């Protein structure tokens, strides 16, 4: 039996932004409570305005990194970002989504801490 190869990617990149909302008094906080819904809309609108059709921006439920939120993960690379403003979103859009680079100051490491670069 011959191995089956993977089909081509439907989207070049798939961006999942946590829009989970917890009660305001929850000790972990929530991405939606920190503005992720509006920031997600900003990214969706910006990709559409730029005519980027091979990237999908989706709302996600809890991505379990609540204390660092709002957070997103971009696949297929699996790169995680914490972001807090439309400027952060614009930088991720231009540097990662358009140019294929990384925004090191916003990246999250595996150990749940923001990646720090000098």
Protein backbone atom coordinates (compact mmCIF):
# COMPACT_ATOMS: atom_id res chain seq x y z
CA UNK A 1 0.00 0.00 0.00
CA UNK A 2 1.37 3.42 -1.01
CA UNK A 3 1.45 6.18 1.60
CA UNK A 4 -1.02 8.96 1.00
CA UNK A 5 0.47 12.43 0.91
CA UNK A 6 -1.18 15.34 2.63
CA UNK A 7 -3.38 17.51 0.44
CA UNK A 8 -2.29 21.10 -0.18
CA UNK A 9 -3.10 23.52 2.64
CA UNK A 10 -6.51 25.13 2.29
CA UNK A 11 -5.14 28.26 4.01
CA UNK A 12 -1.48 29.25 4.04
CA UNK A 13 -1.92 30.39 7.65
CA UNK A 14 -4.66 29.83 10.19
CA UNK A 15 -4.82 32.33 13.07
CA UNK A 16 -6.73 31.38 16.22
CA UNK A 17 -7.41 34.22 18.65
CA UNK A 18 -8.80 33.36 22.06
CA UNK A 19 -12.10 35.14 22.67
CA UNK A 20 -13.03 33.18 25.79
CA UNK A 21 -14.76 35.23 28.49
CA UNK A 22 -14.59 34.30 32.16
CA UNK A 23 -16.31 36.14 35.01
CA UNK A 24 -14.55 39.42 35.80
CA UNK A 25 -13.51 38.15 39.25
CA UNK A 26 -11.86 34.96 37.91
CA UNK A 27 -8.26 34.77 39.15
CA UNK A 28 -6.98 33.72 35.71
CA UNK A 29 -8.70 36.54 33.86
CA UNK A 30 -9.77 36.07 30.26
CA UNK A 31 -8.70 37.13 26.81
CA UNK A 32 -12.11 38.63 26.01
CA UNK A 33 -11.98 40.57 29.26
CA UNK A 34 -8.71 42.07 28.00
CA UNK A 35 -10.08 43.14 24.62
CA UNK A 36 -9.41 40.17 22.35
CA UNK A 37 -12.73 40.38 20.53
CA UNK A 38 -12.12 43.90 19.19
CA UNK A 39 -8.48 43.09 18.42
CA UNK A 40 -9.58 40.00 16.48
CA UNK A 41 -12.00 42.13 14.47
CA UNK A 42 -9.16 44.56 13.76
CA UNK A 43 -6.99 41.74 12.39
CA UNK A 44 -9.86 40.34 10.29
CA UNK A 45 -10.64 43.78 8.86
CA UNK A 46 -6.96 44.51 8.14
CA UNK A 47 -6.35 41.21 6.33
CA UNK A 48 -9.49 41.76 4.28
CA UNK A 49 -8.51 45.36 3.45
CA UNK A 50 -5.09 44.14 2.30
CA UNK A 51 -6.68 41.52 0.04
CA UNK A 52 -5.06 38.62 1.92
CA UNK A 53 -7.18 35.62 0.94
CA UNK A 54 -4.96 32.71 1.97
CA UNK A 55 -5.11 33.45 5.71
CA UNK A 56 -8.04 32.61 7.97
CA UNK A 57 -8.58 34.52 11.24
CA UNK A 58 -10.82 32.63 13.66
CA UNK A 59 -12.19 33.14 17.14
CA UNK A 60 -11.19 30.34 19.49
CA UNK A 61 -12.42 29.22 22.85
CA UNK A 62 -9.98 29.04 25.74
CA UNK A 63 -6.42 28.34 24.60
CA UNK A 64 -5.39 27.83 28.28
CA UNK A 65 -2.87 30.65 28.52
CA UNK A 66 -5.31 33.02 30.20
CA UNK A 67 -2.86 34.82 32.47
CA UNK A 68 -0.85 35.98 29.45
CA UNK A 69 -3.80 37.04 27.33
CA UNK A 70 -4.99 38.03 25.01
CA UNK A 71 -3.22 35.33 23.02
CA UNK A 72 -3.22 33.91 19.51
CA UNK A 73 -1.59 30.96 17.80
CA UNK A 74 -0.70 30.86 14.12
CA UNK A 75 -0.60 27.54 12.27
CA UNK A 76 0.90 25.62 10.60
CA UNK A 77 4.00 26.87 12.49
CA UNK A 78 2.36 26.86 15.93
CA UNK A 79 3.76 30.28 16.89
CA UNK A 80 2.09 31.85 19.93
CA UNK A 81 1.76 35.58 20.58
CA UNK A 82 0.48 37.73 23.43
CA UNK A 83 -0.81 41.07 22.18
CA UNK A 84 -2.46 44.09 23.75
CA UNK A 85 -3.12 46.75 21.13
CA UNK A 86 -3.95 47.39 17.50
CA UNK A 87 -0.28 48.35 17.06
CA UNK A 88 0.70 44.83 18.24
CA UNK A 89 -1.82 43.30 15.82
CA UNK A 90 -0.52 45.44 12.94
CA UNK A 91 3.05 44.39 13.70
CA UNK A 92 2.10 40.69 13.76
CA UNK A 93 0.16 41.15 10.52
CA UNK A 94 3.02 42.84 8.69
CA UNK A 95 5.95 40.90 10.12
CA UNK A 96 4.54 37.36 10.48
CA UNK A 97 1.56 37.10 8.17
CA UNK A 98 2.81 39.21 5.24
CA UNK A 99 6.61 38.87 5.47
CA UNK A 100 6.88 35.42 7.11
CA UNK A 101 9.04 36.70 9.98
CA UNK A 102 8.45 36.72 13.72
CA UNK A 103 7.67 39.42 16.28
CA UNK A 104 10.05 38.21 18.99
CA UNK A 105 8.95 40.72 21.63
CA UNK A 106 5.38 39.36 21.52
CA UNK A 107 6.13 35.64 21.13
CA UNK A 108 5.30 33.25 23.92
CA UNK A 109 7.67 30.46 24.83
CA UNK A 110 6.62 26.96 25.76
CA UNK A 111 7.20 27.69 29.46
CA UNK A 112 4.25 30.13 29.48
CA UNK A 113 6.50 33.19 29.66
CA UNK A 114 6.91 35.81 26.97
CA UNK A 115 10.03 35.26 24.87
CA UNK A 116 12.61 37.87 25.83
CA UNK A 117 15.18 38.98 23.28
CA UNK A 118 18.07 41.37 23.71
